[in-house]
Amino acid sequence: MDARPAAGELTFRDATHADIDPLVALIESSYRGDASRSGWTTEADLLDGQRTDPDGVRDVIDAAGSRLVVALREDELVACCQLENRGDAAYFGMFSVRPGLQGGGLGKAVLAEAERFAGEEWRVREMHMTVIAQREDLIAWYERRGYRRTGKFTPFPYGDERFGVPLRPDLKFELLVKPLA
């Protein structure tokens, strides 16, 4: 028999197709719209529109070398993240924590589990992520966890509403890197 986690303890598993709708709702509530404003990681002042959709989540679940990890607390979906094996590095993305639960250590636990898995199971040397450069508070949070800014930027995909509708003309992504080994 599997041991049940203690009350409040997180469990992690790979997402399934049955998780797609709840994951889309979680991701959207974490990044966009008024619901996201109850947390501290909102992009609502930078972007409108969608952050993802069911097809995008399904693609991550189904992609080779990819995992969409769900974090559960007492069987309730509270967070998720994407991991993609890119050889020497893992890419970390689609990181979402339910807005009302942000600021309580849940994000740190999910990030630590992602780093543990990437280092131990995939044996990658680094974790990579891209963050909208204008999100200084979020970048500072990652820096406190050992990530460094690289000064390498990629443009925001203006005109592709699958990624949102920009509310300003200067958005770009910066690559953040953390050694795992």
N, C-alpha and C. Protein backbone atom coordinates (compact mmCIF):
# COMPACT_ATOMS: atom_id res chain seq x y z
N MET A 1 0.85 -1.18 0.00
CA MET A 1 0.00 0.00 0.00
C MET A 1 0.89 1.25 0.00
N ASP A 2 0.53 2.22 -0.80
CA ASP A 2 1.27 3.47 -0.83
C ASP A 2 0.97 4.27 0.42
N ALA A 3 2.01 4.87 0.97
CA ALA A 3 1.80 5.73 2.14
C ALA A 3 1.15 7.03 1.68
N ARG A 4 0.18 7.51 2.39
CA ARG A 4 -0.46 8.78 2.08
C ARG A 4 0.43 9.90 2.58
N PRO A 5 0.53 10.99 1.84
CA PRO A 5 1.32 12.12 2.32
C PRO A 5 0.66 12.76 3.54
N ALA A 6 1.47 13.36 4.36
CA ALA A 6 0.93 14.08 5.53
C ALA A 6 0.08 15.24 5.05
N ALA A 7 -0.85 15.68 5.86
CA ALA A 7 -1.72 16.80 5.51
C ALA A 7 -0.86 18.00 5.09
N GLY A 8 -1.20 18.56 3.96
CA GLY A 8 -0.48 19.72 3.47
C GLY A 8 0.76 19.39 2.67
N GLU A 9 1.20 18.13 2.68
CA GLU A 9 2.39 17.72 1.94
C GLU A 9 2.07 17.61 0.45
N LEU A 10 3.04 17.91 -0.37
CA LEU A 10 2.86 17.85 -1.82
C LEU A 10 3.20 16.47 -2.36
N THR A 11 2.46 16.09 -3.38
CA THR A 11 2.83 14.92 -4.17
C THR A 11 2.95 15.40 -5.61
N PHE A 12 3.79 14.72 -6.37
CA PHE A 12 4.04 15.08 -7.76
C PHE A 12 3.77 13.89 -8.65
N ARG A 13 3.25 14.18 -9.83
CA ARG A 13 3.05 13.14 -10.84
C ARG A 13 3.01 13.80 -12.21
N ASP A 14 3.15 12.96 -13.25
CA ASP A 14 3.03 13.47 -14.61
C ASP A 14 1.56 13.75 -14.92
N ALA A 15 1.32 14.81 -15.66
CA ALA A 15 -0.04 15.15 -16.09
C ALA A 15 -0.54 14.13 -17.10
N THR A 16 -1.84 13.96 -17.12
CA THR A 16 -2.50 13.11 -18.11
C THR A 16 -3.50 13.96 -18.89
N HIS A 17 -4.08 13.38 -19.92
CA HIS A 17 -5.08 14.12 -20.69
C HIS A 17 -6.27 14.51 -19.82
N ALA A 18 -6.57 13.75 -18.79
CA ALA A 18 -7.68 14.10 -17.89
C ALA A 18 -7.40 15.40 -17.12
N ASP A 19 -6.14 15.80 -17.05
CA ASP A 19 -5.75 17.01 -16.32
C ASP A 19 -5.79 18.27 -17.19
N ILE A 20 -6.02 18.13 -18.48
CA ILE A 20 -5.86 19.27 -19.40
C ILE A 20 -6.73 20.46 -19.00
N ASP A 21 -8.02 20.27 -18.83
CA ASP A 21 -8.88 21.42 -18.50
C ASP A 21 -8.52 22.06 -17.16
N PRO A 22 -8.31 21.27 -16.09
CA PRO A 22 -7.89 21.91 -14.83
C PRO A 22 -6.53 22.61 -14.95
N LEU A 23 -5.63 22.05 -15.76
CA LEU A 23 -4.33 22.71 -15.93
C LEU A 23 -4.47 24.03 -16.67
N VAL A 24 -5.27 24.07 -17.72
CA VAL A 24 -5.48 25.33 -18.44
C VAL A 24 -6.05 26.38 -17.47
N ALA A 25 -7.02 25.98 -16.66
CA ALA A 25 -7.61 26.92 -15.69
C ALA A 25 -6.56 27.42 -14.70
N LEU A 26 -5.72 26.51 -14.19
CA LEU A 26 -4.67 26.90 -13.25
C LEU A 26 -3.68 27.87 -13.90
N ILE A 27 -3.21 27.53 -15.09
CA ILE A 27 -2.21 28.35 -15.76
C ILE A 27 -2.78 29.73 -16.08
N GLU A 28 -3.98 29.76 -16.62
CA GLU A 28 -4.60 31.06 -16.93
C GLU A 28 -4.77 31.91 -15.67
N SER A 29 -5.22 31.29 -14.57
CA SER A 29 -5.45 32.05 -13.34
C SER A 29 -4.15 32.54 -12.72
N SER A 30 -3.05 31.89 -13.02
CA SER A 30 -1.76 32.29 -12.46
C SER A 30 -1.13 33.47 -13.20
N TYR A 31 -1.47 33.60 -14.49
CA TYR A 31 -0.78 34.59 -15.32
C TYR A 31 -1.64 35.75 -15.77
N ARG A 32 -2.90 35.50 -16.08
CA ARG A 32 -3.70 36.52 -16.76
C ARG A 32 -5.00 36.80 -16.04
N GLY A 33 -5.55 37.96 -16.34
CA GLY A 33 -6.87 38.33 -15.85
C GLY A 33 -6.88 38.72 -14.38
N ASP A 34 -8.07 39.08 -13.92
CA ASP A 34 -8.22 39.57 -12.54
C ASP A 34 -7.87 38.51 -11.51
N ALA A 35 -8.14 37.24 -11.78
CA ALA A 35 -7.82 36.18 -10.82
C ALA A 35 -6.32 36.16 -10.51
N SER A 36 -5.51 36.45 -11.51
CA SER A 36 -4.05 36.39 -11.31
C SER A 36 -3.56 37.49 -10.37
N ARG A 37 -4.33 38.55 -10.23
CA ARG A 37 -3.90 39.68 -9.40
C ARG A 37 -3.90 39.35 -7.90
N SER A 38 -4.53 38.23 -7.50
CA SER A 38 -4.49 37.86 -6.09
C SER A 38 -3.16 37.21 -5.73
N GLY A 39 -2.36 36.85 -6.72
CA GLY A 39 -1.01 36.36 -6.49
C GLY A 39 -0.01 37.45 -6.83
N TRP A 40 1.27 37.15 -6.71
CA TRP A 40 2.27 38.18 -6.99
C TRP A 40 2.96 37.96 -8.33
N THR A 41 2.65 36.89 -9.06
CA THR A 41 3.36 36.60 -10.30
C THR A 41 2.55 36.92 -11.55
N THR A 42 1.56 37.73 -11.44
CA THR A 42 0.69 38.05 -12.58
C THR A 42 1.45 38.73 -13.72
N GLU A 43 0.99 38.45 -14.95
CA GLU A 43 1.45 39.17 -16.13
C GLU A 43 0.36 40.10 -16.65
N ALA A 44 -0.70 40.27 -15.87
CA ALA A 44 -1.89 40.98 -16.33
C ALA A 44 -1.61 42.42 -16.75
N ASP A 45 -0.55 43.04 -16.23
CA ASP A 45 -0.22 44.40 -16.63
C ASP A 45 0.64 44.45 -17.89
N LEU A 46 1.13 43.28 -18.32
CA LEU A 46 1.98 43.19 -19.51
C LEU A 46 1.27 42.58 -20.70
N LEU A 47 0.37 41.64 -20.40
CA LEU A 47 -0.27 40.86 -21.46
C LEU A 47 -1.73 40.63 -21.14
N ASP A 48 -2.53 40.62 -22.18
CA ASP A 48 -3.94 40.26 -22.08
C ASP A 48 -4.10 38.97 -22.89
N GLY A 49 -5.32 38.49 -22.97
CA GLY A 49 -5.55 37.28 -23.76
C GLY A 49 -5.11 36.03 -23.03
N GLN A 50 -4.92 34.96 -23.77
CA GLN A 50 -4.63 33.67 -23.17
C GLN A 50 -3.14 33.48 -22.90
N ARG A 51 -2.83 32.62 -21.95
CA ARG A 51 -1.45 32.18 -21.70
C ARG A 51 -1.21 30.84 -22.38
N THR A 52 -2.24 29.99 -22.38
CA THR A 52 -2.18 28.70 -23.06
C THR A 52 -3.58 28.27 -23.41
N ASP A 53 -3.71 27.10 -24.01
CA ASP A 53 -5.02 26.54 -24.35
C ASP A 53 -4.91 25.03 -24.26
N PRO A 54 -6.03 24.32 -24.38
CA PRO A 54 -5.97 22.85 -24.26
C PRO A 54 -5.00 22.20 -25.23
N ASP A 55 -4.92 22.68 -26.46
CA ASP A 55 -3.99 22.09 -27.42
C ASP A 55 -2.54 22.27 -26.98
N GLY A 56 -2.22 23.45 -26.45
CA GLY A 56 -0.86 23.70 -25.98
C GLY A 56 -0.47 22.81 -24.83
N VAL A 57 -1.40 22.60 -23.89
CA VAL A 57 -1.13 21.72 -22.75
C VAL A 57 -1.00 20.28 -23.23
N ARG A 58 -1.89 19.86 -24.12
CA ARG A 58 -1.82 18.50 -24.67
C ARG A 58 -0.48 18.28 -25.38
N ASP A 59 -0.03 19.25 -26.13
CA ASP A 59 1.25 19.13 -26.83
C ASP A 59 2.41 18.90 -25.85
N VAL A 60 2.41 19.59 -24.73
CA VAL A 60 3.47 19.42 -23.73
C VAL A 60 3.39 18.02 -23.11
N ILE A 61 2.17 17.58 -22.80
CA ILE A 61 2.00 16.25 -22.21
C ILE A 61 2.50 15.17 -23.16
N ASP A 62 2.21 15.32 -24.45
CA ASP A 62 2.50 14.27 -25.43
C ASP A 62 3.90 14.32 -26.03
N ALA A 63 4.61 15.42 -25.88
CA ALA A 63 5.91 15.59 -26.55
C ALA A 63 6.96 14.64 -25.97
N ALA A 64 7.78 14.08 -26.85
CA ALA A 64 8.90 13.25 -26.43
C ALA A 64 9.90 14.11 -25.66
N GLY A 65 10.47 13.58 -24.59
CA GLY A 65 11.45 14.32 -23.81
C GLY A 65 10.86 15.44 -23.01
N SER A 66 9.56 15.40 -22.78
CA SER A 66 8.85 16.46 -22.07
C SER A 66 8.03 15.86 -20.94
N ARG A 67 7.89 16.61 -19.87
CA ARG A 67 7.01 16.23 -18.77
C ARG A 67 6.22 17.48 -18.37
N LEU A 68 4.96 17.29 -18.09
CA LEU A 68 4.18 18.34 -17.45
C LEU A 68 3.86 17.78 -16.07
N VAL A 69 4.51 18.33 -15.08
CA VAL A 69 4.43 17.83 -13.71
C VAL A 69 3.32 18.57 -12.98
N VAL A 70 2.45 17.82 -12.32
CA VAL A 70 1.42 18.44 -11.48
C VAL A 70 1.79 18.24 -10.02
N ALA A 71 1.53 19.26 -9.23
CA ALA A 71 1.73 19.20 -7.79
C ALA A 71 0.34 19.17 -7.15
N LEU A 72 0.16 18.19 -6.28
CA LEU A 72 -1.13 17.99 -5.61
C LEU A 72 -0.94 18.13 -4.10
N ARG A 73 -1.90 18.74 -3.48
CA ARG A 73 -1.95 18.80 -2.02
C ARG A 73 -3.32 18.22 -1.65
N GLU A 74 -3.28 17.09 -0.97
CA GLU A 74 -4.52 16.39 -0.60
C GLU A 74 -5.41 16.21 -1.83
N ASP A 75 -4.81 15.71 -2.91
CA ASP A 75 -5.48 15.40 -4.18
C ASP A 75 -6.02 16.62 -4.92
N GLU A 76 -5.65 17.80 -4.51
CA GLU A 76 -6.09 19.03 -5.18
C GLU A 76 -4.92 19.60 -5.99
N LEU A 77 -5.14 19.90 -7.27
CA LEU A 77 -4.13 20.48 -8.13
C LEU A 77 -3.81 21.90 -7.64
N VAL A 78 -2.56 22.13 -7.24
CA VAL A 78 -2.18 23.44 -6.71
C VAL A 78 -1.06 24.11 -7.50
N ALA A 79 -0.34 23.32 -8.32
CA ALA A 79 0.76 23.90 -9.08
C ALA A 79 1.15 22.94 -10.20
N CYS A 80 1.94 23.48 -11.14
CA CYS A 80 2.45 22.64 -12.23
C CYS A 80 3.70 23.29 -12.81
N CYS A 81 4.44 22.49 -13.57
CA CYS A 81 5.56 23.01 -14.34
C CYS A 81 5.86 22.06 -15.49
N GLN A 82 6.46 22.61 -16.50
CA GLN A 82 6.89 21.86 -17.67
C GLN A 82 8.39 21.64 -17.56
N LEU A 83 8.83 20.44 -17.89
CA LEU A 83 10.25 20.14 -18.03
C LEU A 83 10.47 19.55 -19.41
N GLU A 84 11.52 20.01 -20.08
CA GLU A 84 11.85 19.50 -21.40
C GLU A 84 13.33 19.17 -21.43
N ASN A 85 13.65 17.94 -21.78
CA ASN A 85 15.04 17.50 -21.86
C ASN A 85 15.64 18.01 -23.15
N ARG A 86 16.68 18.85 -23.03
CA ARG A 86 17.36 19.41 -24.20
C ARG A 86 18.82 18.98 -24.26
N GLY A 87 19.10 17.78 -23.80
CA GLY A 87 20.47 17.26 -23.85
C GLY A 87 21.24 17.58 -22.59
N ASP A 88 22.10 18.61 -22.65
CA ASP A 88 22.89 19.01 -21.48
C ASP A 88 22.10 19.86 -20.49
N ALA A 89 20.94 20.33 -20.92
CA ALA A 89 20.12 21.20 -20.07
C ALA A 89 18.67 20.75 -20.12
N ALA A 90 17.95 21.12 -19.09
CA ALA A 90 16.49 20.95 -19.08
C ALA A 90 15.89 22.34 -19.17
N TYR A 91 14.78 22.45 -19.89
CA TYR A 91 14.04 23.71 -19.96
C TYR A 91 12.90 23.62 -18.95
N PHE A 92 12.73 24.68 -18.17
CA PHE A 92 11.69 24.79 -17.16
C PHE A 92 10.70 25.85 -17.60
N GLY A 93 9.43 25.51 -17.69
CA GLY A 93 8.43 26.49 -18.13
C GLY A 93 7.05 26.16 -17.62
N MET A 94 6.09 26.93 -18.10
CA MET A 94 4.68 26.75 -17.75
C MET A 94 4.48 26.60 -16.24
N PHE A 95 5.30 27.30 -15.48
CA PHE A 95 5.30 27.22 -14.02
C PHE A 95 4.12 28.00 -13.49
N SER A 96 3.26 27.33 -12.76
CA SER A 96 2.05 27.96 -12.25
C SER A 96 1.76 27.49 -10.84
N VAL A 97 1.43 28.43 -9.99
CA VAL A 97 0.99 28.16 -8.62
C VAL A 97 -0.33 28.89 -8.44
N ARG A 98 -1.31 28.20 -7.89
CA ARG A 98 -2.60 28.83 -7.66
C ARG A 98 -2.39 30.18 -6.96
N PRO A 99 -2.94 31.27 -7.51
CA PRO A 99 -2.65 32.61 -6.99
C PRO A 99 -2.85 32.77 -5.48
N GLY A 100 -3.91 32.25 -4.92
CA GLY A 100 -4.14 32.40 -3.48
C GLY A 100 -3.16 31.66 -2.61
N LEU A 101 -2.37 30.78 -3.20
CA LEU A 101 -1.37 30.00 -2.45
C LEU A 101 0.05 30.50 -2.68
N GLN A 102 0.22 31.50 -3.52
CA GLN A 102 1.56 32.02 -3.80
C GLN A 102 2.11 32.72 -2.56
N GLY A 103 3.42 32.64 -2.41
CA GLY A 103 4.08 33.31 -1.30
C GLY A 103 4.22 32.44 -0.06
N GLY A 104 3.80 31.18 -0.13
CA GLY A 104 3.87 30.30 1.03
C GLY A 104 4.87 29.15 0.90
N GLY A 105 5.75 29.21 -0.08
CA GLY A 105 6.77 28.18 -0.24
C GLY A 105 6.43 27.09 -1.23
N LEU A 106 5.22 27.11 -1.76
CA LEU A 106 4.80 26.09 -2.72
C LEU A 106 5.64 26.15 -3.99
N GLY A 107 5.87 27.33 -4.52
CA GLY A 107 6.68 27.48 -5.73
C GLY A 107 8.10 26.99 -5.52
N LYS A 108 8.69 27.29 -4.37
CA LYS A 108 10.04 26.80 -4.07
C LYS A 108 10.08 25.28 -4.10
N ALA A 109 9.05 24.64 -3.54
CA ALA A 109 9.01 23.18 -3.50
C ALA A 109 8.88 22.58 -4.91
N VAL A 110 8.06 23.18 -5.74
CA VAL A 110 7.89 22.69 -7.11
C VAL A 110 9.19 22.87 -7.90
N LEU A 111 9.81 24.04 -7.79
CA LEU A 111 11.06 24.29 -8.48
C LEU A 111 12.14 23.31 -8.02
N ALA A 112 12.23 23.07 -6.71
CA ALA A 112 13.21 22.12 -6.18
C ALA A 112 12.98 20.72 -6.72
N GLU A 113 11.73 20.29 -6.81
CA GLU A 113 11.42 18.97 -7.37
C GLU A 113 11.80 18.90 -8.84
N ALA A 114 11.54 19.95 -9.59
CA ALA A 114 11.91 19.98 -11.01
C ALA A 114 13.42 19.88 -11.17
N GLU A 115 14.16 20.63 -10.36
CA GLU A 115 15.62 20.59 -10.42
C GLU A 115 16.15 19.21 -10.01
N ARG A 116 15.55 18.63 -8.98
CA ARG A 116 15.96 17.29 -8.52
C ARG A 116 15.77 16.29 -9.65
N PHE A 117 14.58 16.28 -10.24
CA PHE A 117 14.29 15.33 -11.30
C PHE A 117 15.24 15.51 -12.48
N ALA A 118 15.40 16.74 -12.94
CA ALA A 118 16.25 17.00 -14.11
C ALA A 118 17.69 16.56 -13.86
N GLY A 119 18.19 16.84 -12.67
CA GLY A 119 19.56 16.46 -12.35
C GLY A 119 19.74 14.98 -12.13
N GLU A 120 18.84 14.36 -11.37
CA GLU A 120 19.00 12.95 -11.01
C GLU A 120 18.53 12.00 -12.11
N GLU A 121 17.39 12.28 -12.72
CA GLU A 121 16.82 11.35 -13.69
C GLU A 121 17.34 11.59 -15.11
N TRP A 122 17.45 12.83 -15.50
CA TRP A 122 17.93 13.14 -16.85
C TRP A 122 19.43 13.40 -16.88
N ARG A 123 20.02 13.63 -15.70
CA ARG A 123 21.46 13.88 -15.58
C ARG A 123 21.92 15.09 -16.40
N VAL A 124 21.07 16.11 -16.47
CA VAL A 124 21.45 17.33 -17.16
C VAL A 124 22.29 18.20 -16.24
N ARG A 125 23.07 19.06 -16.83
CA ARG A 125 23.99 19.90 -16.05
C ARG A 125 23.41 21.25 -15.66
N GLU A 126 22.39 21.70 -16.42
CA GLU A 126 21.83 23.03 -16.16
C GLU A 126 20.32 23.01 -16.33
N MET A 127 19.69 23.96 -15.66
CA MET A 127 18.27 24.25 -15.88
C MET A 127 18.22 25.59 -16.60
N HIS A 128 17.43 25.67 -17.66
CA HIS A 128 17.24 26.90 -18.42
C HIS A 128 15.77 27.31 -18.34
N MET A 129 15.54 28.59 -18.40
CA MET A 129 14.17 29.11 -18.51
C MET A 129 14.24 30.46 -19.18
N THR A 130 13.12 30.87 -19.74
CA THR A 130 13.03 32.23 -20.27
C THR A 130 11.92 32.95 -19.51
N VAL A 131 12.21 34.19 -19.15
CA VAL A 131 11.28 35.01 -18.38
C VAL A 131 11.17 36.36 -19.08
N ILE A 132 9.97 36.90 -19.12
CA ILE A 132 9.80 38.23 -19.68
C ILE A 132 10.70 39.19 -18.89
N ALA A 133 11.60 39.86 -19.60
CA ALA A 133 12.63 40.68 -18.96
C ALA A 133 12.06 41.78 -18.06
N GLN A 134 10.86 42.25 -18.35
CA GLN A 134 10.25 43.32 -17.57
C GLN A 134 9.71 42.81 -16.22
N ARG A 135 9.74 41.51 -15.98
CA ARG A 135 9.22 40.94 -14.73
C ARG A 135 10.34 40.87 -13.68
N GLU A 136 10.80 42.02 -13.25
CA GLU A 136 11.95 42.13 -12.36
C GLU A 136 11.75 41.39 -11.03
N ASP A 137 10.56 41.46 -10.43
CA ASP A 137 10.32 40.77 -9.15
C ASP A 137 10.46 39.26 -9.31
N LEU A 138 9.94 38.73 -10.41
CA LEU A 138 10.02 37.30 -10.65
C LEU A 138 11.47 36.89 -10.93
N ILE A 139 12.18 37.66 -11.71
CA ILE A 139 13.59 37.36 -11.99
C ILE A 139 14.39 37.39 -10.69
N ALA A 140 14.12 38.35 -9.82
CA ALA A 140 14.81 38.42 -8.53
C ALA A 140 14.52 37.16 -7.69
N TRP A 141 13.29 36.65 -7.75
CA TRP A 141 12.92 35.43 -7.03
C TRP A 141 13.77 34.26 -7.53
N TYR A 142 13.90 34.15 -8.85
CA TYR A 142 14.74 33.09 -9.41
C TYR A 142 16.21 33.27 -9.05
N GLU A 143 16.68 34.51 -9.05
CA GLU A 143 18.08 34.76 -8.68
C GLU A 143 18.35 34.31 -7.25
N ARG A 144 17.41 34.51 -6.34
CA ARG A 144 17.58 34.06 -4.96
C ARG A 144 17.65 32.54 -4.87
N ARG A 145 17.23 31.85 -5.92
CA ARG A 145 17.27 30.39 -5.96
C ARG A 145 18.41 29.87 -6.83
N GLY A 146 19.36 30.75 -7.14
CA GLY A 146 20.56 30.32 -7.83
C GLY A 146 20.59 30.51 -9.33
N TYR A 147 19.56 31.08 -9.91
CA TYR A 147 19.54 31.33 -11.36
C TYR A 147 20.29 32.63 -11.64
N ARG A 148 20.92 32.67 -12.80
CA ARG A 148 21.62 33.89 -13.18
C ARG A 148 21.09 34.40 -14.51
N ARG A 149 21.08 35.71 -14.61
CA ARG A 149 20.69 36.36 -15.85
C ARG A 149 21.83 36.19 -16.84
N THR A 150 21.50 35.91 -18.08
CA THR A 150 22.55 35.70 -19.09
C THR A 150 22.74 36.89 -20.01
N GLY A 151 21.78 37.80 -20.06
CA GLY A 151 21.84 38.90 -21.02
C GLY A 151 21.50 38.45 -22.43
N LYS A 152 21.04 37.19 -22.57
CA LYS A 152 20.62 36.68 -23.87
C LYS A 152 19.11 36.83 -23.98
N PHE A 153 18.68 37.55 -24.99
CA PHE A 153 17.26 37.88 -25.14
C PHE A 153 16.71 37.30 -26.44
N THR A 154 15.43 36.97 -26.39
CA THR A 154 14.70 36.60 -27.60
C THR A 154 13.44 37.47 -27.64
N PRO A 155 12.99 37.81 -28.83
CA PRO A 155 11.83 38.71 -28.93
C PRO A 155 10.54 38.01 -28.50
N PHE A 156 9.62 38.78 -28.00
CA PHE A 156 8.29 38.28 -27.72
C PHE A 156 7.60 38.03 -29.06
N PRO A 157 6.80 36.97 -29.18
CA PRO A 157 6.15 36.68 -30.47
C PRO A 157 4.93 37.57 -30.73
N TYR A 158 5.20 38.85 -30.97
CA TYR A 158 4.12 39.78 -31.29
C TYR A 158 3.34 39.27 -32.49
N GLY A 159 2.03 39.41 -32.43
CA GLY A 159 1.17 38.99 -33.53
C GLY A 159 0.69 37.56 -33.43
N ASP A 160 1.23 36.78 -32.49
CA ASP A 160 0.78 35.40 -32.30
C ASP A 160 0.00 35.34 -30.99
N GLU A 161 -1.32 35.47 -31.09
CA GLU A 161 -2.16 35.59 -29.90
C GLU A 161 -2.23 34.31 -29.07
N ARG A 162 -1.63 33.21 -29.54
CA ARG A 162 -1.55 32.01 -28.69
C ARG A 162 -0.74 32.30 -27.44
N PHE A 163 0.13 33.31 -27.48
CA PHE A 163 0.98 33.66 -26.36
C PHE A 163 0.49 34.89 -25.61
N GLY A 164 -0.64 35.44 -26.02
CA GLY A 164 -1.19 36.60 -25.36
C GLY A 164 -1.18 37.82 -26.25
N VAL A 165 -1.83 38.85 -25.78
CA VAL A 165 -1.92 40.12 -26.49
C VAL A 165 -1.11 41.13 -25.68
N PRO A 166 0.06 41.55 -26.20
CA PRO A 166 0.92 42.47 -25.46
C PRO A 166 0.24 43.81 -25.20
N LEU A 167 0.48 44.34 -24.01
CA LEU A 167 -0.05 45.64 -23.63
C LEU A 167 1.01 46.73 -23.71
N ARG A 168 2.22 46.36 -24.16
CA ARG A 168 3.30 47.32 -24.35
C ARG A 168 4.21 46.80 -25.46
N PRO A 169 4.96 47.70 -26.09
CA PRO A 169 5.71 47.34 -27.30
C PRO A 169 7.13 46.81 -27.06
N ASP A 170 7.58 46.69 -25.82
CA ASP A 170 9.00 46.39 -25.57
C ASP A 170 9.26 45.04 -24.91
N LEU A 171 8.31 44.13 -24.99
CA LEU A 171 8.48 42.85 -24.30
C LEU A 171 9.53 41.98 -24.98
N LYS A 172 10.29 41.28 -24.16
CA LYS A 172 11.29 40.32 -24.66
C LYS A 172 11.54 39.32 -23.54
N PHE A 173 12.09 38.18 -23.92
CA PHE A 173 12.42 37.13 -22.96
C PHE A 173 13.91 37.13 -22.68
N GLU A 174 14.27 36.90 -21.42
CA GLU A 174 15.68 36.72 -21.06
C GLU A 174 15.90 35.29 -20.61
N LEU A 175 17.00 34.70 -21.04
CA LEU A 175 17.38 33.36 -20.63
C LEU A 175 18.01 33.41 -19.25
N LEU A 176 17.48 32.61 -18.32
CA LEU A 176 18.05 32.42 -16.99
C LEU A 176 18.60 31.00 -16.93
N VAL A 177 19.74 30.83 -16.25
CA VAL A 177 20.42 29.53 -16.19
C VAL A 177 20.85 29.24 -14.76
N LYS A 178 20.74 27.96 -14.36
CA LYS A 178 21.25 27.51 -13.07
C LYS A 178 21.99 26.20 -13.27
N PRO A 179 23.24 26.12 -12.79
CA PRO A 179 23.95 24.84 -12.84
C PRO A 179 23.30 23.86 -11.86
N LEU A 180 23.17 22.61 -12.27
CA LEU A 180 22.58 21.59 -11.40
C LEU A 180 23.62 20.63 -10.86
N ALA A 181 24.75 20.55 -11.52
CA ALA A 181 25.78 19.59 -11.09
C ALA A 181 26.94 20.28 -10.42
